[in-house]
């Protein structure tokens, strides 16, 4: 069993603080200034990391989608043009890396193709994230395994057999798995949080939760069920244009989530039954029969 996995300066696993990831994704809409503001939100909330998405649009865009016309804030354009419009390249990621470092949070991304893995390796990321859509992209998984870096694997829209295959390629050394359901936004009846202990028992790696629900309750419940990491999309405003904005948390909601996660961490305890410090005065005042005296 891989009890803990080190990602940058943080250790992810049972008994450690929940590793909270602010998923920026493409909610920046191609604007570095927005990306920096979202990094600030994550840092202020107390998250340990932020995550982006990295694509080579010519490779990662499905062929039947490339020419599809789409209305965007920048006018009508093809889906491929849109993908390029919101994609950051080396200069922008250099700014992002510097800003994240200054704010004390790690940054990484989900690569959607092999050249993007190479790009992120050149940028010196501490880990790679496999998006749920990429669980069955075996060449991508092999490229990630070859980096020797820790890998965070989301498991949305995947069968156990598909996850098994992915784990065979990635290995369990340095693997963190995230239970996820890729419905946007996620209705509670599809959350299936009991998969968290199931995945933990099956793969014996740290298991967390990647949520796409509205609100914070389900993510907090995931921590109570043993999630060692929580990833949530964040946005400056859920009314902003973009496919992920509606299933994202605005700044105050994300801050509340991290606050509540830290409270639940303290409340979980160690599972050893004993009289707690705060109970001694009550015990003295309320208990009428002493166990030793009753046994005589």
Protein backbone atom coordinates (compact mmCIF):
# COMPACT_ATOMS: atom_id res chain seq x y z
CA UNK A 1 0.00 0.00 0.00
CA UNK A 2 1.25 3.47 -0.90
CA UNK A 3 0.20 5.22 2.30
CA UNK A 4 1.53 8.65 1.37
CA UNK A 5 2.54 10.41 -1.83
CA UNK A 6 4.71 13.51 -1.86
CA UNK A 7 3.65 16.24 -4.29
CA UNK A 8 6.00 19.20 -4.22
CA UNK A 9 6.38 20.14 -0.56
CA UNK A 10 3.12 18.46 0.48
CA UNK A 11 2.45 14.88 1.56
CA UNK A 12 -0.91 13.41 0.53
CA UNK A 13 -2.38 10.52 2.49
CA UNK A 14 -4.27 9.42 5.58
CA UNK A 15 -3.40 11.37 8.69
CA UNK A 16 -2.23 14.33 6.63
CA UNK A 17 -4.08 17.58 5.94
CA UNK A 18 -6.50 17.18 3.04
CA UNK A 19 -4.73 18.21 -0.16
CA UNK A 20 -7.01 20.89 -1.59
CA UNK A 21 -6.72 21.73 -5.29
CA UNK A 22 -8.35 24.80 -6.80
CA UNK A 23 -9.22 23.67 -10.33
CA UNK A 24 -8.85 26.72 -12.54
CA UNK A 25 -9.02 24.63 -15.71
CA UNK A 26 -10.03 26.98 -18.50
CA UNK A 27 -12.14 29.25 -16.30
CA UNK A 28 -9.54 31.93 -16.99
CA UNK A 29 -10.94 32.19 -20.57
CA UNK A 30 -7.46 32.77 -21.92
CA UNK A 31 -6.76 35.77 -19.67
CA UNK A 32 -3.60 35.57 -17.53
CA UNK A 33 -4.88 38.33 -15.24
CA UNK A 34 -7.95 36.21 -14.41
CA UNK A 35 -5.74 33.17 -13.83
CA UNK A 36 -3.62 35.16 -11.37
CA UNK A 37 -6.72 36.33 -9.49
CA UNK A 38 -7.88 32.73 -9.18
CA UNK A 39 -4.44 31.73 -7.83
CA UNK A 40 -4.87 34.50 -5.26
CA UNK A 41 -8.27 33.05 -4.30
CA UNK A 42 -6.79 29.59 -3.80
CA UNK A 43 -3.92 30.94 -1.73
CA UNK A 44 -6.20 33.05 0.46
CA UNK A 45 -8.50 30.07 1.04
CA UNK A 46 -5.59 27.90 2.18
CA UNK A 47 -5.53 25.46 -0.74
CA UNK A 48 -2.20 23.79 -1.43
CA UNK A 49 -2.40 23.80 -5.23
CA UNK A 50 -4.10 25.08 -8.37
CA UNK A 51 -4.61 23.12 -11.55
CA UNK A 52 -4.93 24.10 -15.20
CA UNK A 53 -5.51 22.18 -18.43
CA UNK A 54 -2.91 21.94 -21.20
CA UNK A 55 -3.78 20.95 -24.74
CA UNK A 56 -2.23 20.83 -28.16
CA UNK A 57 -5.54 21.72 -29.86
CA UNK A 58 -4.70 20.16 -33.24
CA UNK A 59 -4.16 16.82 -31.47
CA UNK A 60 -6.63 16.88 -28.59
CA UNK A 61 -9.66 18.30 -30.42
CA UNK A 62 -11.84 15.52 -31.89
CA UNK A 63 -11.75 15.62 -35.70
CA UNK A 64 -15.52 15.92 -36.01
CA UNK A 65 -15.51 18.94 -33.68
CA UNK A 66 -12.73 21.04 -35.22
CA UNK A 67 -14.86 22.82 -37.82
CA UNK A 68 -17.97 23.15 -35.62
CA UNK A 69 -18.97 26.79 -35.29
CA UNK A 70 -19.26 28.23 -31.79
CA UNK A 71 -20.44 31.54 -30.38
CA UNK A 72 -17.82 32.98 -28.03
CA UNK A 73 -17.17 36.31 -26.29
CA UNK A 74 -14.72 36.99 -29.12
CA UNK A 75 -17.23 36.35 -31.87
CA UNK A 76 -18.21 33.24 -33.80
CA UNK A 77 -15.33 30.90 -34.56
CA UNK A 78 -14.60 27.24 -35.11
CA UNK A 79 -14.23 25.00 -32.09
CA UNK A 80 -10.54 24.54 -32.97
CA UNK A 81 -10.02 28.31 -33.09
CA UNK A 82 -11.75 28.61 -29.73
CA UNK A 83 -9.45 25.99 -28.24
CA UNK A 84 -6.41 27.97 -29.36
CA UNK A 85 -7.97 31.19 -28.08
CA UNK A 86 -8.14 29.93 -24.48
CA UNK A 87 -4.82 28.04 -24.48
CA UNK A 88 -1.81 29.38 -22.56
CA UNK A 89 1.68 28.88 -23.92
CA UNK A 90 5.17 29.12 -22.45
CA UNK A 91 5.23 32.85 -21.70
CA UNK A 92 1.84 32.79 -19.98
CA UNK A 93 2.67 29.69 -17.95
CA UNK A 94 5.94 31.33 -16.93
CA UNK A 95 3.90 34.18 -15.45
CA UNK A 96 1.54 31.71 -13.79
CA UNK A 97 4.41 29.71 -12.29
CA UNK A 98 6.03 32.85 -10.87
CA UNK A 99 2.75 34.10 -9.43
CA UNK A 100 1.89 30.75 -7.84
CA UNK A 101 5.33 30.56 -6.27
CA UNK A 102 4.94 34.06 -4.85
CA UNK A 103 1.55 33.10 -3.39
CA UNK A 104 2.87 29.89 -1.85
CA UNK A 105 0.76 27.43 -3.85
CA UNK A 106 1.86 24.70 -6.24
CA UNK A 107 0.56 24.60 -9.80
CA UNK A 108 0.21 21.82 -12.32
CA UNK A 109 -2.12 20.81 -15.14
CA UNK A 110 -3.99 18.01 -16.86
CA UNK A 111 -2.19 17.30 -20.12
CA UNK A 112 -4.55 16.13 -22.86
CA UNK A 113 -1.89 14.81 -25.25
CA UNK A 114 1.71 13.64 -25.26
CA UNK A 115 3.27 16.94 -26.47
CA UNK A 116 1.50 18.65 -23.54
CA UNK A 117 3.20 16.21 -21.15
CA UNK A 118 6.53 17.22 -22.64
CA UNK A 119 5.60 20.90 -22.35
CA UNK A 120 4.68 20.57 -18.67
CA UNK A 121 7.85 18.63 -17.95
CA UNK A 122 9.85 21.51 -19.43
CA UNK A 123 7.91 23.88 -17.15
CA UNK A 124 9.02 21.80 -14.15
CA UNK A 125 5.65 20.83 -12.66
CA UNK A 126 5.75 18.68 -9.53
CA UNK A 127 2.95 16.33 -10.63
CA UNK A 128 0.59 15.55 -13.50
CA UNK A 129 -3.19 15.13 -13.38
CA UNK A 130 -5.05 12.67 -15.60
CA UNK A 131 -8.45 14.10 -16.49
CA UNK A 132 -11.35 11.66 -16.37
CA UNK A 133 -11.68 11.96 -20.14
CA UNK A 134 -8.12 10.65 -20.53
CA UNK A 135 -8.36 7.48 -18.42
CA UNK A 136 -8.45 5.34 -21.57
CA UNK A 137 -5.74 7.31 -23.46
CA UNK A 138 -3.06 4.66 -23.04
CA UNK A 139 -0.26 6.47 -24.96
CA UNK A 140 -0.80 9.50 -22.72
CA UNK A 141 -0.70 7.33 -19.59
CA UNK A 142 2.54 5.69 -20.74
CA UNK A 143 4.10 9.12 -21.33
CA UNK A 144 3.06 10.18 -17.83
CA UNK A 145 4.47 7.00 -16.29
CA UNK A 146 7.78 7.66 -18.02
CA UNK A 147 8.15 11.05 -16.30
CA UNK A 148 8.61 9.36 -12.93
CA UNK A 149 6.51 12.13 -11.37
CA UNK A 150 3.55 11.55 -9.03
CA UNK A 151 0.28 11.24 -10.94
CA UNK A 152 -3.23 12.23 -9.82
CA UNK A 153 -5.81 10.09 -11.61
CA UNK A 154 -9.44 11.18 -11.85
CA UNK A 155 -11.88 8.31 -12.41
CA UNK A 156 -15.04 9.92 -13.76
CA UNK A 157 -16.99 8.24 -16.60
CA UNK A 158 -14.83 5.12 -16.22
CA UNK A 159 -15.45 1.48 -15.40
CA UNK A 160 -13.45 -0.45 -12.82
CA UNK A 161 -11.88 -2.40 -15.68
CA UNK A 162 -10.73 0.82 -17.37
CA UNK A 163 -9.30 2.09 -14.09
CA UNK A 164 -7.52 -1.25 -13.59
CA UNK A 165 -5.84 -0.84 -16.99
CA UNK A 166 -4.80 2.72 -16.20
CA UNK A 167 -3.30 1.64 -12.87
CA UNK A 168 -1.40 -1.19 -14.56
CA UNK A 169 0.30 1.41 -16.75
CA UNK A 170 0.82 4.12 -14.13
CA UNK A 171 1.69 1.81 -11.24
CA UNK A 172 0.71 2.56 -7.66
CA UNK A 173 3.99 4.11 -6.51
CA UNK A 174 3.34 7.85 -6.50
CA UNK A 175 -0.32 7.48 -7.53
CA UNK A 176 -3.17 9.49 -6.01
CA UNK A 177 -6.66 8.57 -7.22
CA UNK A 178 -9.68 10.86 -7.20
CA UNK A 179 -13.21 9.51 -7.17
CA UNK A 180 -15.28 11.61 -9.57
CA UNK A 181 -18.56 11.67 -11.45
CA UNK A 182 -18.29 13.71 -14.64
CA UNK A 183 -21.75 15.25 -14.59
CA UNK A 184 -21.75 19.06 -14.76
CA UNK A 185 -23.23 20.17 -12.44
CA UNK A 186 -23.36 17.02 -10.32
CA UNK A 187 -26.71 16.02 -8.75
CA UNK A 188 -26.32 14.48 -5.27
CA UNK A 189 -27.78 11.13 -6.35
CA UNK A 190 -24.87 10.65 -8.78
CA UNK A 191 -22.08 11.47 -6.32
CA UNK A 192 -21.69 7.85 -5.11
CA UNK A 193 -19.29 8.84 -2.33
CA UNK A 194 -19.08 5.29 -0.99
CA UNK A 195 -16.69 4.64 -3.89
CA UNK A 196 -13.98 6.47 -1.92
CA UNK A 197 -13.35 3.62 0.57
CA UNK A 198 -13.97 1.07 -2.22
CA UNK A 199 -11.22 2.55 -4.39
CA UNK A 200 -8.93 2.86 -1.38
CA UNK A 201 -9.35 -0.82 -0.52
CA UNK A 202 -8.97 -1.99 -4.12
CA UNK A 203 -5.90 0.01 -5.16
CA UNK A 204 -4.33 0.79 -1.77
CA UNK A 205 -3.31 4.31 -2.73
CA UNK A 206 -4.44 7.68 -1.34
CA UNK A 207 -7.94 8.38 -2.68
CA UNK A 208 -9.53 11.81 -2.87
CA UNK A 209 -12.54 13.42 -4.49
CA UNK A 210 -12.98 15.65 -7.53
CA UNK A 211 -16.35 17.36 -7.29
CA UNK A 212 -18.55 19.13 -9.82
CA UNK A 213 -21.57 19.73 -7.63
CA UNK A 214 -23.09 23.04 -6.65
CA UNK A 215 -22.28 23.93 -3.06
CA UNK A 216 -19.89 22.42 -0.56
CA UNK A 217 -21.76 19.69 1.34
CA UNK A 218 -20.77 16.73 -0.82
CA UNK A 219 -17.09 17.66 -0.82
CA UNK A 220 -17.08 17.98 2.97
CA UNK A 221 -18.82 14.60 3.25
CA UNK A 222 -16.09 13.11 1.03
CA UNK A 223 -13.49 14.10 3.61
CA UNK A 224 -15.56 12.45 6.34
CA UNK A 225 -15.51 9.25 4.22
CA UNK A 226 -11.73 9.31 3.98
CA UNK A 227 -10.89 11.52 0.98
CA UNK A 228 -7.25 12.58 1.28
CA UNK A 229 -7.55 15.24 -1.43
CA UNK A 230 -10.36 17.44 -2.71
CA UNK A 231 -10.40 19.18 -6.07
CA UNK A 232 -13.04 21.77 -6.95
CA UNK A 233 -13.40 24.14 -9.89
CA UNK A 234 -13.10 27.78 -8.89
CA UNK A 235 -14.29 30.90 -10.68
CA UNK A 236 -14.43 34.63 -10.06
CA UNK A 237 -18.11 34.62 -11.05
CA UNK A 238 -20.34 31.66 -11.95
CA UNK A 239 -22.09 33.90 -14.49
CA UNK A 240 -18.89 34.23 -16.53
CA UNK A 241 -18.86 32.67 -19.99
CA UNK A 242 -17.56 29.10 -20.16
CA UNK A 243 -18.72 25.50 -19.89
CA UNK A 244 -17.28 24.89 -16.39
CA UNK A 245 -18.30 28.12 -14.67
CA UNK A 246 -21.75 26.98 -13.46
CA UNK A 247 -20.28 23.95 -11.65
CA UNK A 248 -17.53 26.05 -10.02
CA UNK A 249 -17.24 27.70 -6.62
CA UNK A 250 -16.95 31.45 -6.33
CA UNK A 251 -14.23 32.84 -4.02
CA UNK A 252 -16.20 33.01 -0.76
CA UNK A 253 -17.73 29.57 -1.32
CA UNK A 254 -14.29 28.06 -1.95
CA UNK A 255 -12.94 29.72 1.18
CA UNK A 256 -15.88 28.32 3.16
CA UNK A 257 -15.20 24.87 1.75
CA UNK A 258 -11.56 24.85 2.80
CA UNK A 259 -12.55 26.15 6.25
CA UNK A 260 -15.13 23.36 6.65
CA UNK A 261 -12.68 20.70 5.44
CA UNK A 262 -10.18 21.76 8.11
CA UNK A 263 -12.89 21.54 10.79
CA UNK A 264 -13.89 18.03 9.66
CA UNK A 265 -10.23 16.94 9.69
CA UNK A 266 -10.01 17.86 13.38
CA UNK A 267 -13.34 16.18 14.13
CA UNK A 268 -12.38 12.81 12.62
CA UNK A 269 -9.93 11.99 15.38
CA UNK A 270 -7.97 8.74 15.55
CA UNK A 271 -10.71 6.19 16.27
CA UNK A 272 -9.42 5.37 19.74
CA UNK A 273 -12.15 5.59 22.39
CA UNK A 274 -11.11 7.48 25.52
CA UNK A 275 -12.41 10.15 27.86
CA UNK A 276 -11.66 13.45 26.18
CA UNK A 277 -10.18 16.40 28.13
CA UNK A 278 -13.38 18.38 27.87
CA UNK A 279 -15.39 15.51 29.37
CA UNK A 280 -13.61 15.30 32.73
CA UNK A 281 -15.54 18.09 34.42
CA UNK A 282 -18.84 16.67 33.14
CA UNK A 283 -17.87 13.19 34.26
CA UNK A 284 -17.13 14.42 37.78
CA UNK A 285 -20.37 16.38 37.92
CA UNK A 286 -22.80 13.94 36.29
CA UNK A 287 -21.62 10.34 36.72
CA UNK A 288 -23.10 8.81 39.86
CA UNK A 289 -21.54 5.31 39.77
CA UNK A 290 -17.81 4.75 39.52
CA UNK A 291 -16.87 1.69 37.42
CA UNK A 292 -14.37 0.37 39.99
CA UNK A 293 -16.84 0.81 42.85
CA UNK A 294 -19.65 -0.86 40.86
CA UNK A 295 -17.48 -3.91 40.24
CA UNK A 296 -16.98 -4.60 43.96
